[in-house]
C-alpha atoms as a PDB file:
ATOM      1  CA  MET A   1     110.818-109.122 -22.398  1.00  0.00           C
ATOM      2  CA  GLY A   2     112.498-108.303 -25.677  1.00  0.00           C
ATOM      3  CA  ASP A   3     112.814-110.694 -28.594  1.00  0.00           C
ATOM      4  CA  SER A   4     116.600-111.018 -28.215  1.00  0.00           C
ATOM      5  CA  SER A   5     116.408-111.830 -24.502  1.00  0.00           C
ATOM      6  CA  ARG A   6     113.672-114.385 -25.211  1.00  0.00           C
ATOM      7  CA  GLN A   7     115.852-116.040 -27.837  1.00  0.00           C
ATOM      8  CA  ARG A   8     118.808-116.004 -25.453  1.00  0.00           C
ATOM      9  CA  TRP A   9     117.080-117.771 -22.560  1.00  0.00           C
ATOM     10  CA  LEU A  10     115.196-120.186 -24.797  1.00  0.00           C
ATOM     11  CA  GLY A  11     118.358-121.079 -26.682  1.00  0.00           C
ATOM     12  CA  THR A  12     120.175-121.601 -23.403  1.00  0.00           C
ATOM     13  CA  ALA A  13     117.331-123.757 -22.078  1.00  0.00           C
ATOM     14  CA  MET A  14     117.406-125.904 -25.197  1.00  0.00           C
ATOM     15  CA  LEU A  15     121.189-126.256 -24.961  1.00  0.00           C
ATOM     16  CA  VAL A  16     121.064-127.276 -21.300  1.00  0.00           C
ATOM     17  CA  GLY A  17     118.197-129.652 -22.084  1.00  0.00           C
ATOM     18  CA  ALA A  18     120.367-131.238 -24.775  1.00  0.00           C
ATOM     19  CA  ILE A  19     123.128-131.602 -22.184  1.00  0.00           C
ATOM     20  CA  TYR A  20     120.691-133.413 -19.880  1.00  0.00           C
ATOM     21  CA  LEU A  21     119.781-135.709 -22.774  1.00  0.00           C
ATOM     22  CA  ALA A  22     123.438-136.418 -23.572  1.00  0.00           C
ATOM     23  CA  VAL A  23     124.210-137.133 -19.925  1.00  0.00           C
ATOM     24  CA  GLY A  24     121.225-139.474 -19.595  1.00  0.00           C
ATOM     25  CA  VAL A  25     121.909-141.400 -22.792  1.00  0.00           C
ATOM     26  CA  THR A  26     125.630-141.679 -22.024  1.00  0.00           C
ATOM     27  CA  ALA A  27     125.003-142.861 -18.471  1.00  0.00           C
ATOM     28  CA  SER A  28     122.490-145.395 -19.730  1.00  0.00           C
ATOM     29  CA  ALA A  29     124.933-146.742 -22.301  1.00  0.00           C
ATOM     30  CA  LEU A  30     127.738-146.932 -19.747  1.00  0.00           C
ATOM     31  CA  GLY A  31     125.445-148.585 -17.208  1.00  0.00           C
ATOM     32  CA  GLY A  32     124.303-151.132 -19.773  1.00  0.00           C
ATOM     33  CA  ALA A  33     127.874-151.974 -20.684  1.00  0.00           C
ATOM     34  CA  ALA A  34     129.026-152.182 -17.058  1.00  0.00           C
ATOM     35  CA  ALA A  35     130.386-155.545 -15.992  1.00  0.00           C
ATOM     36  CA  SER A  36     129.220-155.259 -12.404  1.00  0.00           C
ATOM     37  CA  SER A  37     126.508-153.727 -10.280  1.00  0.00           C
ATOM     38  CA  PRO A  38     128.899-151.267  -8.561  1.00  0.00           C
ATOM     39  CA  MET A  39     129.957-149.924 -11.938  1.00  0.00           C
ATOM     40  CA  ARG A  40     126.311-149.355 -12.893  1.00  0.00           C
ATOM     41  CA  LEU A  41     125.933-147.449  -9.636  1.00  0.00           C
ATOM     42  CA  VAL A  42     128.963-145.312 -10.515  1.00  0.00           C
ATOM     43  CA  SER A  43     127.382-144.595 -13.899  1.00  0.00           C
ATOM     44  CA  ARG A  44     124.135-143.459 -12.268  1.00  0.00           C
ATOM     45  CA  TRP A  45     125.849-141.281  -9.686  1.00  0.00           C
ATOM     46  CA  SER A  46     128.039-139.670 -12.318  1.00  0.00           C
ATOM     47  CA  ALA A  47     124.885-138.805 -14.271  1.00  0.00           C
ATOM     48  CA  PHE A  48     123.338-137.255 -11.160  1.00  0.00           C
ATOM     49  CA  VAL A  49     126.467-135.212 -10.495  1.00  0.00           C
ATOM     50  CA  ALA A  50     126.813-134.069 -14.125  1.00  0.00           C
ATOM     51  CA  SER A  51     123.139-133.089 -14.256  1.00  0.00           C
ATOM     52  CA  GLY A  52     123.485-131.235 -10.953  1.00  0.00           C
ATOM     53  CA  VAL A  53     126.477-129.313 -12.283  1.00  0.00           C
ATOM     54  CA  ALA A  54     124.538-128.400 -15.434  1.00  0.00           C
ATOM     55  CA  PHE A  55     121.568-127.287 -13.313  1.00  0.00           C
ATOM     56  CA  ALA A  56     123.767-125.167 -11.020  1.00  0.00           C
ATOM     57  CA  ALA A  57     125.622-123.631 -13.959  1.00  0.00           C
ATOM     58  CA  HIS A  58     122.354-122.800 -15.717  1.00  0.00           C
ATOM     59  CA  THR A  59     120.884-121.248 -12.575  1.00  0.00           C
ATOM     60  CA  ALA A  60     124.051-119.190 -12.041  1.00  0.00           C
ATOM     61  CA  TYR A  61     124.071-118.099 -15.690  1.00  0.00           C
ATOM     62  CA  GLU A  62     120.459-116.966 -15.503  1.00  0.00           C
ATOM     63  CA  HIS A  63     120.992-115.135 -12.225  1.00  0.00           C
ATOM     64  CA  PHE A  64     124.406-113.533 -12.706  1.00  0.00           C
ATOM     65  CA  ARG A  65     124.847-113.196 -16.464  1.00  0.00           C
ATOM     66  CA  LEU A  66     121.300-112.513 -17.623  1.00  0.00           C
ATOM     67  CA  CYS A  67     120.306-110.803 -14.343  1.00  0.00           C
ATOM     68  CA  SER A  68     116.966-112.604 -14.337  1.00  0.00           C
ATOM     69  CA  LYS A  69     114.603-112.278 -11.419  1.00  0.00           C
ATOM     70  CA  PRO A  70     114.215-115.370  -9.200  1.00  0.00           C
ATOM     71  CA  ARG A  71     110.908-116.419 -10.757  1.00  0.00           C
ATOM     72  CA  SER A  72     112.297-116.033 -14.294  1.00  0.00           C
ATOM     73  CA  THR A  73     115.448-117.917 -13.340  1.00  0.00           C
ATOM     74  CA  ALA A  74     113.361-120.751 -11.911  1.00  0.00           C
ATOM     75  CA  TRP A  75     111.087-120.823 -14.951  1.00  0.00           C
ATOM     76  CA  HIS A  76     113.966-120.871 -17.433  1.00  0.00           C
ATOM     77  CA  THR A  77     115.818-123.619 -15.600  1.00  0.00           C
ATOM     78  CA  CYS A  78     112.698-125.751 -15.188  1.00  0.00           C
ATOM     79  CA  VAL A  79     111.971-125.416 -18.915  1.00  0.00           C
ATOM     80  CA  ALA A  80     115.457-126.781 -19.625  1.00  0.00           C
ATOM     81  CA  VAL A  81     114.881-129.660 -17.215  1.00  0.00           C
ATOM     82  CA  ALA A  82     111.491-130.420 -18.768  1.00  0.00           C
ATOM     83  CA  PHE A  83     112.979-130.315 -22.254  1.00  0.00           C
ATOM     84  CA  GLY A  84     115.739-132.736 -21.235  1.00  0.00           C
ATOM     85  CA  ALA A  85     113.263-135.065 -19.521  1.00  0.00           C
ATOM     86  CA  PHE A  86     110.967-135.035 -22.550  1.00  0.00           C
ATOM     87  CA  ALA A  87     113.904-135.799 -24.837  1.00  0.00           C
ATOM     88  CA  LEU A  88     114.933-138.694 -22.572  1.00  0.00           C
ATOM     89  CA  ALA A  89     111.365-140.020 -22.542  1.00  0.00           C
ATOM     90  CA  LEU A  90     111.266-139.772 -26.319  1.00  0.00           C
ATOM     91  CA  ALA A  91     114.579-141.651 -26.548  1.00  0.00           C
ATOM     92  CA  ALA A  92     113.187-144.314 -24.196  1.00  0.00           C
ATOM     93  CA  ASN A  93     110.103-144.686 -26.397  1.00  0.00           C
ATOM     94  CA  ILE A  94     112.243-145.012 -29.516  1.00  0.00           C
ATOM     95  CA  HIS A  95     114.467-147.554 -27.754  1.00  0.00           C
ATOM     96  CA  ASP A  96     111.395-149.512 -26.676  1.00  0.00           C
ATOM     97  CA  LEU A  97     110.143-149.568 -30.276  1.00  0.00           C
ATOM     98  CA  GLY A  98     113.352-151.290 -31.359  1.00  0.00           C
ATOM     99  CA  SER A  99     113.504-153.769 -28.500  1.00  0.00           C
ATOM    100  CA  ALA A 100     112.881-157.491 -28.893  1.00  0.00           C
ATOM    101  CA  SER A 101     109.657-157.333 -26.905  1.00  0.00           C
ATOM    102  CA  ALA A 102     106.598-155.581 -28.279  1.00  0.00           C
ATOM    103  CA  TYR A 103     106.216-151.840 -27.841  1.00  0.00           C
ATOM    104  CA  ARG A 104     104.344-150.955 -24.663  1.00  0.00           C
ATOM    105  CA  PRO A 105     101.883-148.105 -25.276  1.00  0.00           C
ATOM    106  CA  ARG A 106     102.058-147.146 -21.592  1.00  0.00           C
ATOM    107  CA  MET A 107     105.541-145.827 -22.374  1.00  0.00           C
ATOM    108  CA  LEU A 108     103.733-142.845 -23.901  1.00  0.00           C
ATOM    109  CA  ILE A 109     102.868-141.758 -20.350  1.00  0.00           C
ATOM    110  CA  ALA A 110     106.570-141.010 -19.856  1.00  0.00           C
ATOM    111  CA  LEU A 111     106.357-138.230 -22.442  1.00  0.00           C
ATOM    112  CA  VAL A 112     104.173-136.266 -20.014  1.00  0.00           C
ATOM    113  CA  ALA A 113     105.164-137.732 -16.648  1.00  0.00           C
ATOM    114  CA  TRP A 114     108.945-137.354 -16.854  1.00  0.00           C
ATOM    115  CA  PRO A 115     108.911-133.627 -17.693  1.00  0.00           C
ATOM    116  CA  LEU A 116     106.360-132.941 -14.943  1.00  0.00           C
ATOM    117  CA  LEU A 117     108.123-135.066 -12.332  1.00  0.00           C
ATOM    118  CA  THR A 118     111.430-133.299 -12.967  1.00  0.00           C
ATOM    119  CA  ALA A 119     110.384-129.738 -13.827  1.00  0.00           C
ATOM    120  CA  VAL A 120     108.246-129.067 -10.760  1.00  0.00           C
ATOM    121  CA  PRO A 121     111.004-129.851  -8.224  1.00  0.00           C
ATOM    122  CA  ALA A 122     113.535-128.069 -10.442  1.00  0.00           C
ATOM    123  CA  PHE A 123     111.359-124.940 -10.390  1.00  0.00           C
ATOM    124  CA  VAL A 124     111.125-125.014  -6.592  1.00  0.00           C
ATOM    125  CA  VAL A 125     114.861-125.582  -6.096  1.00  0.00           C
ATOM    126  CA  ALA A 126     115.849-122.920  -8.630  1.00  0.00           C
ATOM    127  CA  LEU A 127     113.396-120.442  -7.098  1.00  0.00           C
ATOM    128  CA  VAL A 128     114.810-120.980  -3.611  1.00  0.00           C
ATOM    129  CA  VAL A 129     118.420-120.773  -4.840  1.00  0.00           C
ATOM    130  CA  ALA A 130     117.821-117.686  -6.990  1.00  0.00           C
ATOM    131  CA  ALA A 131     115.930-115.950  -4.175  1.00  0.00           C
ATOM    132  CA  GLY A 132     118.761-116.803  -1.800  1.00  0.00           C
ATOM    133  CA  LEU A 133     121.333-115.454  -4.235  1.00  0.00           C
ATOM    134  CA  GLY A 134     119.260-112.288  -4.634  1.00  0.00           C
ATOM    135  CA  MET A 135     119.311-111.692  -0.895  1.00  0.00           C
ATOM    136  CA  LYS A 136     123.110-111.841  -0.847  1.00  0.00           C
ATOM    137  CA  GLN A 137     123.646-109.163  -3.486  1.00  0.00           C
ATOM    138  CA  PRO A 138     124.048-105.529  -2.463  1.00  0.00           C
ATOM    139  CA  ARG A 139     121.354-103.232  -3.769  1.00  0.00           C
END
């Protein structure tokens, strides 16, 4: 893999990860400001949908634009998901530091757990989708 293609996929992964972070922080702020439980639910579902759209767009970009193989597509998309999850865990730790209650050191587990709990399923889903898309293309 050349240096320019490495920079391209890594830059894209970081951008998509930043989108996941923005979606998560925005949904959290909207959910916290919601006046009712149904509105908090709408905030959560909108975050799921927005993250799903970002995931699908990233997978499509990797497959169609960069012409990555299924395993590379899955790896690149799961790196973006892990980056976004780590950034959200870091934001949660920072938020917990500033909260009225004392900082809970077990929040540090989130820095490892959230990326793993999101990246592994993302890899599997992206691998299946990319392999399925590869079967549909004429050779």
